[in-house]
Amino acid sequence: MKMLQLFVAPAALCLAAPASAGAVQDRAAILSVIAKMEQAWNRGDFRGYMAGFRNPDVVFASGGKFQDGWQGTLDHYVRDYGASPETRGTLHFYDMKVDLLSADAAMLVGRYHLERPGHAAEGVNTRLFRKIKGRWLITLNHVSAYDVPSKPVAPTPPASPSAPTDRQDPLSN
């Protein structure tokens, strides 16, 4: 029996190692999709941003509404964010947790911050990823957002103190 255990335990470890390595690679691939999306958004490349979504039939829900698939989502981004770098803002994804559900399905839950002058927003993304033809793509995206105060563009120097106007200079009397 001890001899059998000596062979079975290392064999089990060998069999488990590829699955674990695959999981690490899949998580890294999914996070890479998100990183590329963030970079694309921040350079104003909405088509590049949309490369992370399944085309044409991604399900995208935000603000209690569904977008009309991939093209409807792209149209929404171009219409509502594409006028200038200020309206597009700077996007940052963070606090992301990836749960692998199967060999071809994963769920990502993470937060984002979109900094725009006068209209910053934060929220939570819940995304269902599917591995399609070897690529991880978002097939369902749900956004829960809320407005937050915008961060100042540059620090404002403190105002220099001024003398109150209702005081008289003691030397003028």
N, C-alpha and C. Protein backbone atom coordinates (compact mmCIF):
# COMPACT_ATOMS: atom_id res chain seq x y z
N MET A 1 0.82 -1.19 0.00
CA MET A 1 0.00 0.00 0.00
C MET A 1 0.87 1.26 0.00
N LYS A 2 1.94 1.28 0.81
CA LYS A 2 2.81 2.44 0.84
C LYS A 2 3.47 2.66 -0.52
N MET A 3 3.80 1.59 -1.19
CA MET A 3 4.43 1.69 -2.51
C MET A 3 3.46 2.33 -3.50
N LEU A 4 2.19 1.98 -3.41
CA LEU A 4 1.17 2.55 -4.29
C LEU A 4 1.03 4.06 -4.01
N GLN A 5 1.05 4.45 -2.75
CA GLN A 5 0.95 5.86 -2.39
C GLN A 5 2.13 6.65 -2.93
N LEU A 6 3.31 6.05 -2.95
CA LEU A 6 4.49 6.73 -3.48
C LEU A 6 4.34 7.05 -4.96
N PHE A 7 3.61 6.24 -5.69
CA PHE A 7 3.41 6.48 -7.12
C PHE A 7 2.17 7.34 -7.41
N VAL A 8 1.14 7.16 -6.62
CA VAL A 8 -0.12 7.87 -6.89
C VAL A 8 0.00 9.36 -6.55
N ALA A 9 0.60 9.71 -5.44
CA ALA A 9 0.69 11.12 -5.03
C ALA A 9 1.44 11.95 -6.06
N PRO A 10 2.64 11.56 -6.52
CA PRO A 10 3.31 12.38 -7.55
C PRO A 10 2.54 12.41 -8.86
N ALA A 11 1.88 11.33 -9.23
CA ALA A 11 1.10 11.31 -10.47
C ALA A 11 -0.06 12.29 -10.37
N ALA A 12 -0.71 12.34 -9.23
CA ALA A 12 -1.82 13.28 -9.04
C ALA A 12 -1.33 14.72 -9.13
N LEU A 13 -0.17 15.00 -8.56
CA LEU A 13 0.40 16.34 -8.66
C LEU A 13 0.71 16.70 -10.11
N CYS A 14 1.22 15.77 -10.87
CA CYS A 14 1.53 16.03 -12.28
C CYS A 14 0.25 16.31 -13.06
N LEU A 15 -0.80 15.60 -12.76
CA LEU A 15 -2.06 15.81 -13.46
C LEU A 15 -2.69 17.14 -13.07
N ALA A 16 -2.53 17.56 -11.82
CA ALA A 16 -3.12 18.80 -11.35
C ALA A 16 -2.35 20.02 -11.85
N ALA A 17 -1.06 19.91 -12.05
CA ALA A 17 -0.24 21.05 -12.44
C ALA A 17 -0.68 21.68 -13.76
N PRO A 18 -0.95 20.91 -14.82
CA PRO A 18 -1.38 21.56 -16.06
C PRO A 18 -2.70 22.31 -15.91
N ALA A 19 -3.63 21.78 -15.15
CA ALA A 19 -4.91 22.46 -14.96
C ALA A 19 -4.68 23.78 -14.23
N SER A 20 -3.82 23.78 -13.23
CA SER A 20 -3.53 24.98 -12.48
C SER A 20 -2.81 25.99 -13.37
N ALA A 21 -1.86 25.53 -14.15
CA ALA A 21 -1.15 26.42 -15.07
C ALA A 21 -2.13 26.98 -16.09
N GLY A 22 -3.06 26.17 -16.56
CA GLY A 22 -4.08 26.63 -17.50
C GLY A 22 -4.97 27.70 -16.88
N ALA A 23 -5.32 27.51 -15.62
CA ALA A 23 -6.16 28.49 -14.93
C ALA A 23 -5.42 29.82 -14.79
N VAL A 24 -4.15 29.75 -14.46
CA VAL A 24 -3.34 30.96 -14.33
C VAL A 24 -3.26 31.67 -15.69
N GLN A 25 -3.05 30.90 -16.75
CA GLN A 25 -2.98 31.49 -18.10
C GLN A 25 -4.32 32.09 -18.51
N ASP A 26 -5.41 31.42 -18.21
CA ASP A 26 -6.73 31.94 -18.56
C ASP A 26 -7.03 33.24 -17.81
N ARG A 27 -6.72 33.27 -16.53
CA ARG A 27 -6.94 34.51 -15.76
C ARG A 27 -6.09 35.65 -16.33
N ALA A 28 -4.84 35.34 -16.64
CA ALA A 28 -3.95 36.36 -17.21
C ALA A 28 -4.48 36.84 -18.56
N ALA A 29 -5.00 35.94 -19.38
CA ALA A 29 -5.54 36.31 -20.69
C ALA A 29 -6.76 37.22 -20.53
N ILE A 30 -7.62 36.91 -19.57
CA ILE A 30 -8.81 37.73 -19.33
C ILE A 30 -8.40 39.11 -18.83
N LEU A 31 -7.47 39.18 -17.90
CA LEU A 31 -7.02 40.48 -17.40
C LEU A 31 -6.30 41.27 -18.49
N SER A 32 -5.65 40.58 -19.41
CA SER A 32 -5.02 41.24 -20.55
C SER A 32 -6.06 41.88 -21.46
N VAL A 33 -7.18 41.19 -21.67
CA VAL A 33 -8.28 41.77 -22.46
C VAL A 33 -8.73 43.08 -21.82
N ILE A 34 -8.89 43.08 -20.50
CA ILE A 34 -9.35 44.28 -19.79
C ILE A 34 -8.30 45.39 -19.89
N ALA A 35 -7.04 45.05 -19.75
CA ALA A 35 -5.97 46.06 -19.84
C ALA A 35 -5.94 46.69 -21.23
N LYS A 36 -6.10 45.87 -22.27
CA LYS A 36 -6.12 46.40 -23.64
C LYS A 36 -7.34 47.29 -23.87
N MET A 37 -8.46 46.93 -23.28
CA MET A 37 -9.66 47.75 -23.40
C MET A 37 -9.43 49.12 -22.74
N GLU A 38 -8.86 49.12 -21.55
CA GLU A 38 -8.57 50.37 -20.85
C GLU A 38 -7.64 51.26 -21.68
N GLN A 39 -6.59 50.67 -22.23
CA GLN A 39 -5.64 51.43 -23.05
C GLN A 39 -6.32 52.00 -24.29
N ALA A 40 -7.15 51.20 -24.95
CA ALA A 40 -7.85 51.66 -26.15
C ALA A 40 -8.76 52.83 -25.82
N TRP A 41 -9.53 52.71 -24.75
CA TRP A 41 -10.44 53.79 -24.35
C TRP A 41 -9.64 55.08 -24.14
N ASN A 42 -8.56 54.97 -23.40
CA ASN A 42 -7.81 56.16 -23.02
C ASN A 42 -7.10 56.83 -24.20
N ARG A 43 -6.94 56.13 -25.30
CA ARG A 43 -6.38 56.77 -26.50
C ARG A 43 -7.49 57.15 -27.50
N GLY A 44 -8.75 56.94 -27.12
CA GLY A 44 -9.87 57.33 -27.96
C GLY A 44 -10.21 56.33 -29.05
N ASP A 45 -9.76 55.10 -28.90
CA ASP A 45 -9.99 54.04 -29.88
C ASP A 45 -11.16 53.17 -29.42
N PHE A 46 -12.39 53.61 -29.73
CA PHE A 46 -13.56 52.89 -29.27
C PHE A 46 -13.70 51.52 -29.93
N ARG A 47 -13.29 51.39 -31.19
CA ARG A 47 -13.31 50.07 -31.84
C ARG A 47 -12.33 49.13 -31.14
N GLY A 48 -11.17 49.65 -30.74
CA GLY A 48 -10.20 48.85 -29.99
C GLY A 48 -10.77 48.43 -28.64
N TYR A 49 -11.49 49.34 -28.00
CA TYR A 49 -12.16 49.02 -26.74
C TYR A 49 -13.17 47.90 -26.95
N MET A 50 -13.93 48.00 -28.02
CA MET A 50 -14.98 47.02 -28.31
C MET A 50 -14.42 45.66 -28.75
N ALA A 51 -13.12 45.58 -29.05
CA ALA A 51 -12.51 44.31 -29.44
C ALA A 51 -12.61 43.28 -28.31
N GLY A 52 -12.82 43.74 -27.08
CA GLY A 52 -12.96 42.83 -25.95
C GLY A 52 -14.34 42.19 -25.83
N PHE A 53 -15.29 42.67 -26.63
CA PHE A 53 -16.66 42.18 -26.57
C PHE A 53 -16.95 41.24 -27.75
N ARG A 54 -17.81 40.28 -27.53
CA ARG A 54 -18.24 39.39 -28.61
C ARG A 54 -19.04 40.20 -29.63
N ASN A 55 -18.68 40.02 -30.87
CA ASN A 55 -19.34 40.73 -31.96
C ASN A 55 -20.03 39.71 -32.85
N PRO A 56 -21.32 39.82 -33.09
CA PRO A 56 -22.18 40.99 -32.94
C PRO A 56 -23.10 40.93 -31.73
N ASP A 57 -23.16 39.80 -31.04
CA ASP A 57 -24.28 39.62 -30.11
C ASP A 57 -23.93 39.68 -28.62
N VAL A 58 -23.09 40.65 -28.23
CA VAL A 58 -22.85 40.85 -26.81
C VAL A 58 -24.13 41.38 -26.17
N VAL A 59 -24.37 40.96 -24.95
CA VAL A 59 -25.48 41.50 -24.17
C VAL A 59 -24.86 42.54 -23.24
N PHE A 60 -25.33 43.78 -23.34
CA PHE A 60 -24.74 44.88 -22.58
C PHE A 60 -25.86 45.63 -21.88
N ALA A 61 -25.82 45.64 -20.55
CA ALA A 61 -26.84 46.32 -19.75
C ALA A 61 -26.19 47.39 -18.90
N SER A 62 -26.75 48.59 -18.94
CA SER A 62 -26.23 49.70 -18.15
C SER A 62 -27.36 50.68 -17.91
N GLY A 63 -27.40 51.25 -16.73
CA GLY A 63 -28.42 52.24 -16.42
C GLY A 63 -29.84 51.72 -16.55
N GLY A 64 -30.03 50.43 -16.31
CA GLY A 64 -31.35 49.84 -16.40
C GLY A 64 -31.83 49.60 -17.82
N LYS A 65 -30.90 49.73 -18.81
CA LYS A 65 -31.27 49.56 -20.21
C LYS A 65 -30.31 48.60 -20.89
N PHE A 66 -30.79 47.97 -21.95
CA PHE A 66 -29.95 47.13 -22.79
C PHE A 66 -29.49 47.95 -24.00
N GLN A 67 -28.22 47.80 -24.35
CA GLN A 67 -27.74 48.35 -25.62
C GLN A 67 -28.13 47.37 -26.71
N ASP A 68 -28.06 47.82 -27.94
CA ASP A 68 -28.43 46.97 -29.07
C ASP A 68 -27.19 46.25 -29.60
N GLY A 69 -26.74 45.22 -28.87
CA GLY A 69 -25.62 44.40 -29.30
C GLY A 69 -24.32 45.18 -29.40
N TRP A 70 -23.37 44.60 -30.14
CA TRP A 70 -22.04 45.17 -30.28
C TRP A 70 -22.10 46.54 -30.94
N GLN A 71 -22.80 46.64 -32.06
CA GLN A 71 -22.85 47.92 -32.79
C GLN A 71 -23.57 48.99 -31.99
N GLY A 72 -24.63 48.62 -31.32
CA GLY A 72 -25.35 49.58 -30.48
C GLY A 72 -24.49 50.10 -29.35
N THR A 73 -23.67 49.22 -28.78
CA THR A 73 -22.77 49.64 -27.71
C THR A 73 -21.70 50.58 -28.26
N LEU A 74 -21.12 50.23 -29.39
CA LEU A 74 -20.13 51.11 -30.02
C LEU A 74 -20.75 52.47 -30.33
N ASP A 75 -21.95 52.47 -30.91
CA ASP A 75 -22.63 53.73 -31.24
C ASP A 75 -22.85 54.58 -29.98
N HIS A 76 -23.23 53.94 -28.90
CA HIS A 76 -23.43 54.62 -27.61
C HIS A 76 -22.13 55.29 -27.16
N TYR A 77 -21.03 54.56 -27.22
CA TYR A 77 -19.75 55.14 -26.78
C TYR A 77 -19.34 56.31 -27.65
N VAL A 78 -19.44 56.16 -28.96
CA VAL A 78 -19.06 57.24 -29.87
C VAL A 78 -19.95 58.45 -29.65
N ARG A 79 -21.26 58.24 -29.55
CA ARG A 79 -22.23 59.34 -29.38
C ARG A 79 -22.06 60.05 -28.03
N ASP A 80 -21.93 59.26 -26.96
CA ASP A 80 -21.97 59.86 -25.62
C ASP A 80 -20.60 60.22 -25.05
N TYR A 81 -19.53 59.68 -25.61
CA TYR A 81 -18.20 59.92 -25.05
C TYR A 81 -17.18 60.40 -26.08
N GLY A 82 -17.48 60.34 -27.36
CA GLY A 82 -16.46 60.51 -28.37
C GLY A 82 -16.17 61.90 -28.88
N ALA A 83 -16.81 62.93 -28.37
CA ALA A 83 -16.62 64.27 -28.92
C ALA A 83 -15.21 64.81 -28.70
N SER A 84 -14.58 64.48 -27.58
CA SER A 84 -13.26 65.03 -27.26
C SER A 84 -12.63 64.20 -26.14
N PRO A 85 -11.33 64.39 -25.91
CA PRO A 85 -10.71 63.69 -24.77
C PRO A 85 -11.39 64.03 -23.43
N GLU A 86 -11.93 65.24 -23.32
CA GLU A 86 -12.61 65.63 -22.08
C GLU A 86 -13.91 64.85 -21.89
N THR A 87 -14.68 64.68 -22.95
CA THR A 87 -15.94 63.94 -22.81
C THR A 87 -15.67 62.44 -22.66
N ARG A 88 -14.59 61.96 -23.26
CA ARG A 88 -14.23 60.54 -23.13
C ARG A 88 -13.69 60.25 -21.74
N GLY A 89 -12.87 61.14 -21.22
CA GLY A 89 -12.28 60.96 -19.91
C GLY A 89 -11.18 59.91 -19.91
N THR A 90 -10.71 59.62 -18.72
CA THR A 90 -9.67 58.61 -18.51
C THR A 90 -10.27 57.48 -17.70
N LEU A 91 -10.17 56.27 -18.23
CA LEU A 91 -10.78 55.08 -17.63
C LEU A 91 -9.73 54.25 -16.92
N HIS A 92 -10.12 53.74 -15.76
CA HIS A 92 -9.23 52.82 -15.03
C HIS A 92 -10.06 51.70 -14.41
N PHE A 93 -9.68 50.44 -14.72
CA PHE A 93 -10.30 49.27 -14.10
C PHE A 93 -9.42 48.80 -12.94
N TYR A 94 -10.05 48.34 -11.87
CA TYR A 94 -9.28 47.87 -10.71
C TYR A 94 -10.12 46.92 -9.86
N ASP A 95 -9.50 46.33 -8.85
CA ASP A 95 -10.16 45.38 -7.93
C ASP A 95 -10.89 44.27 -8.69
N MET A 96 -10.21 43.67 -9.64
CA MET A 96 -10.86 42.66 -10.48
C MET A 96 -10.65 41.27 -9.92
N LYS A 97 -11.74 40.52 -9.91
CA LYS A 97 -11.73 39.13 -9.45
C LYS A 97 -12.27 38.28 -10.59
N VAL A 98 -11.49 37.28 -10.97
CA VAL A 98 -11.87 36.38 -12.06
C VAL A 98 -12.18 35.02 -11.47
N ASP A 99 -13.38 34.52 -11.75
CA ASP A 99 -13.76 33.16 -11.36
C ASP A 99 -13.91 32.34 -12.63
N LEU A 100 -13.10 31.29 -12.75
CA LEU A 100 -13.23 30.39 -13.90
C LEU A 100 -14.37 29.43 -13.61
N LEU A 101 -15.37 29.45 -14.46
CA LEU A 101 -16.56 28.64 -14.27
C LEU A 101 -16.44 27.29 -14.97
N SER A 102 -15.72 27.26 -16.07
CA SER A 102 -15.46 26.03 -16.83
C SER A 102 -14.27 26.33 -17.74
N ALA A 103 -13.94 25.39 -18.60
CA ALA A 103 -12.81 25.58 -19.50
C ALA A 103 -13.05 26.72 -20.49
N ASP A 104 -14.31 27.06 -20.74
CA ASP A 104 -14.60 28.11 -21.72
C ASP A 104 -15.51 29.21 -21.18
N ALA A 105 -15.62 29.33 -19.86
CA ALA A 105 -16.47 30.37 -19.27
C ALA A 105 -15.83 30.91 -17.99
N ALA A 106 -15.92 32.22 -17.82
CA ALA A 106 -15.38 32.86 -16.63
C ALA A 106 -16.22 34.09 -16.31
N MET A 107 -16.24 34.45 -15.04
CA MET A 107 -16.94 35.65 -14.62
C MET A 107 -15.92 36.60 -14.00
N LEU A 108 -15.97 37.85 -14.42
CA LEU A 108 -15.11 38.88 -13.85
C LEU A 108 -16.01 39.90 -13.16
N VAL A 109 -15.67 40.23 -11.94
CA VAL A 109 -16.34 41.31 -11.23
C VAL A 109 -15.24 42.28 -10.85
N GLY A 110 -15.43 43.54 -11.21
CA GLY A 110 -14.41 44.54 -10.92
C GLY A 110 -15.01 45.92 -10.85
N ARG A 111 -14.15 46.84 -10.47
CA ARG A 111 -14.58 48.23 -10.33
C ARG A 111 -13.92 49.06 -11.42
N TYR A 112 -14.48 50.23 -11.66
CA TYR A 112 -13.86 51.16 -12.59
C TYR A 112 -14.05 52.59 -12.10
N HIS A 113 -13.18 53.45 -12.60
CA HIS A 113 -13.30 54.88 -12.36
C HIS A 113 -13.11 55.56 -13.70
N LEU A 114 -14.04 56.43 -14.06
CA LEU A 114 -13.95 57.22 -15.28
C LEU A 114 -13.86 58.67 -14.86
N GLU A 115 -12.68 59.24 -15.05
CA GLU A 115 -12.44 60.64 -14.66
C GLU A 115 -12.69 61.55 -15.86
N ARG A 116 -13.65 62.46 -15.67
CA ARG A 116 -13.96 63.47 -16.68
C ARG A 116 -14.21 64.79 -15.97
N PRO A 117 -13.78 65.89 -16.56
CA PRO A 117 -14.02 67.18 -15.92
C PRO A 117 -15.52 67.40 -15.69
N GLY A 118 -15.87 67.63 -14.44
CA GLY A 118 -17.26 67.92 -14.11
C GLY A 118 -18.20 66.75 -14.08
N HIS A 119 -17.75 65.55 -14.46
CA HIS A 119 -18.69 64.43 -14.51
C HIS A 119 -17.94 63.10 -14.38
N ALA A 120 -17.32 62.89 -13.25
CA ALA A 120 -16.62 61.63 -13.02
C ALA A 120 -17.65 60.57 -12.59
N ALA A 121 -17.30 59.32 -12.84
CA ALA A 121 -18.18 58.22 -12.47
C ALA A 121 -17.35 57.03 -12.00
N GLU A 122 -17.95 56.26 -11.14
CA GLU A 122 -17.37 55.00 -10.69
C GLU A 122 -18.45 53.95 -10.76
N GLY A 123 -18.04 52.70 -10.68
CA GLY A 123 -19.03 51.66 -10.68
C GLY A 123 -18.44 50.28 -10.65
N VAL A 124 -19.32 49.33 -10.83
CA VAL A 124 -18.97 47.91 -10.81
C VAL A 124 -19.36 47.31 -12.16
N ASN A 125 -18.45 46.51 -12.70
CA ASN A 125 -18.73 45.73 -13.91
C ASN A 125 -18.83 44.27 -13.52
N THR A 126 -19.85 43.59 -14.00
CA THR A 126 -19.94 42.14 -13.92
C THR A 126 -19.93 41.66 -15.35
N ARG A 127 -18.95 40.80 -15.66
CA ARG A 127 -18.76 40.39 -17.05
C ARG A 127 -18.65 38.88 -17.16
N LEU A 128 -19.43 38.33 -18.08
CA LEU A 128 -19.31 36.92 -18.40
C LEU A 128 -18.41 36.81 -19.62
N PHE A 129 -17.31 36.11 -19.46
CA PHE A 129 -16.38 35.85 -20.56
C PHE A 129 -16.61 34.44 -21.07
N ARG A 130 -16.49 34.28 -22.38
CA ARG A 130 -16.51 32.96 -23.00
C ARG A 130 -15.26 32.83 -23.87
N LYS A 131 -14.69 31.66 -23.86
CA LYS A 131 -13.53 31.40 -24.71
C LYS A 131 -14.05 30.89 -26.04
N ILE A 132 -13.90 31.73 -27.07
CA ILE A 132 -14.44 31.44 -28.39
C ILE A 132 -13.27 31.40 -29.38
N LYS A 133 -13.08 30.25 -30.00
CA LYS A 133 -11.98 30.07 -30.95
C LYS A 133 -10.65 30.50 -30.35
N GLY A 134 -10.44 30.12 -29.08
CA GLY A 134 -9.19 30.39 -28.39
C GLY A 134 -9.04 31.79 -27.81
N ARG A 135 -10.05 32.66 -27.96
CA ARG A 135 -9.99 34.03 -27.43
C ARG A 135 -11.05 34.24 -26.35
N TRP A 136 -10.65 34.87 -25.26
CA TRP A 136 -11.61 35.24 -24.23
C TRP A 136 -12.30 36.53 -24.64
N LEU A 137 -13.63 36.50 -24.71
CA LEU A 137 -14.43 37.66 -25.09
C LEU A 137 -15.57 37.86 -24.10
N ILE A 138 -15.95 39.09 -23.90
CA ILE A 138 -17.08 39.41 -23.03
C ILE A 138 -18.36 39.14 -23.81
N THR A 139 -19.20 38.26 -23.27
CA THR A 139 -20.48 37.96 -23.93
C THR A 139 -21.65 38.63 -23.21
N LEU A 140 -21.45 38.97 -21.94
CA LEU A 140 -22.47 39.68 -21.17
C LEU A 140 -21.75 40.68 -20.28
N ASN A 141 -22.19 41.92 -20.32
CA ASN A 141 -21.59 42.98 -19.52
C ASN A 141 -22.69 43.74 -18.80
N HIS A 142 -22.58 43.82 -17.49
CA HIS A 142 -23.55 44.59 -16.70
C HIS A 142 -22.78 45.64 -15.92
N VAL A 143 -23.23 46.89 -16.03
CA VAL A 143 -22.57 48.01 -15.36
C VAL A 143 -23.51 48.63 -14.35
N SER A 144 -23.00 48.85 -13.16
CA SER A 144 -23.70 49.60 -12.13
C SER A 144 -22.83 50.82 -11.84
N ALA A 145 -23.32 52.02 -12.16
CA ALA A 145 -22.50 53.22 -12.06
C ALA A 145 -23.12 54.26 -11.15
N TYR A 146 -22.28 55.14 -10.66
CA TYR A 146 -22.74 56.28 -9.88
C TYR A 146 -21.76 57.43 -10.09
N ASP A 147 -22.28 58.65 -10.04
CA ASP A 147 -21.45 59.84 -10.21
C ASP A 147 -20.68 60.11 -8.94
N VAL A 148 -19.46 60.64 -9.13
CA VAL A 148 -18.61 61.04 -8.01
C VAL A 148 -18.04 62.42 -8.35
N PRO A 149 -17.58 63.15 -7.35
CA PRO A 149 -16.97 64.45 -7.65
C PRO A 149 -15.71 64.26 -8.51
N SER A 150 -15.55 65.12 -9.49
CA SER A 150 -14.35 65.07 -10.33
C SER A 150 -13.15 65.52 -9.53
N LYS A 151 -12.02 64.94 -9.85
CA LYS A 151 -10.78 65.35 -9.22
C LYS A 151 -10.29 66.61 -9.92
N PRO A 152 -9.68 67.52 -9.18
CA PRO A 152 -9.18 68.73 -9.84
C PRO A 152 -8.09 68.35 -10.85
N VAL A 153 -8.06 69.08 -11.97
CA VAL A 153 -7.09 68.81 -13.01
C VAL A 153 -5.67 69.07 -12.51
N ALA A 154 -5.46 70.20 -11.85
CA ALA A 154 -4.15 70.54 -11.29
C ALA A 154 -4.39 71.13 -9.92
N PRO A 155 -3.45 70.90 -9.01
CA PRO A 155 -3.65 71.50 -7.69
C PRO A 155 -3.71 73.02 -7.79
N THR A 156 -4.64 73.58 -7.09
CA THR A 156 -4.80 75.04 -7.06
C THR A 156 -3.96 75.58 -5.92
N PRO A 157 -3.09 76.57 -6.21
CA PRO A 157 -2.29 77.12 -5.11
C PRO A 157 -3.20 77.83 -4.12
N PRO A 158 -2.82 77.77 -2.85
CA PRO A 158 -3.67 78.43 -1.86
C PRO A 158 -3.74 79.93 -2.14
N ALA A 159 -4.90 80.49 -1.90
CA ALA A 159 -5.08 81.93 -2.11
C ALA A 159 -4.24 82.68 -1.09
N SER A 160 -3.60 83.75 -1.56
CA SER A 160 -2.78 84.52 -0.62
C SER A 160 -3.73 85.32 0.28
N PRO A 161 -3.39 85.37 1.53
CA PRO A 161 -4.29 86.10 2.43
C PRO A 161 -4.30 87.59 2.06
N SER A 162 -5.45 88.16 2.12
CA SER A 162 -5.56 89.59 1.84
C SER A 162 -6.05 90.30 3.10
N ALA A 163 -5.67 91.53 3.20
CA ALA A 163 -6.07 92.30 4.37
C ALA A 163 -7.55 92.61 4.28
N PRO A 164 -8.27 92.48 5.38
CA PRO A 164 -9.69 92.82 5.36
C PRO A 164 -9.86 94.30 5.01
N THR A 165 -10.88 94.61 4.24
CA THR A 165 -11.09 95.99 3.78
C THR A 165 -11.75 96.87 4.84
N ASP A 166 -12.32 96.29 5.88
CA ASP A 166 -12.99 97.11 6.88
C ASP A 166 -12.03 97.57 7.98
N ARG A 167 -10.78 97.22 7.87
CA ARG A 167 -9.80 97.64 8.88
C ARG A 167 -9.03 98.85 8.38
N GLN A 168 -8.66 99.66 9.28
CA GLN A 168 -7.83 100.80 8.94
C GLN A 168 -6.41 100.48 9.30
N ASP A 169 -5.51 101.00 8.54
CA ASP A 169 -4.10 100.86 8.82
C ASP A 169 -3.78 101.72 10.04
N PRO A 170 -3.23 101.11 11.10
CA PRO A 170 -2.97 101.90 12.31
C PRO A 170 -1.98 103.02 12.06
N LEU A 171 -1.14 102.95 11.07
CA LEU A 171 -0.17 103.99 10.82
C LEU A 171 -0.78 105.18 10.08
N SER A 172 -1.97 105.01 9.52
CA SER A 172 -2.59 106.12 8.76
C SER A 172 -3.30 107.11 9.65
N ASN A 173 -3.43 106.82 10.93
CA ASN A 173 -4.13 107.75 11.84
C ASN A 173 -3.21 108.77 12.35
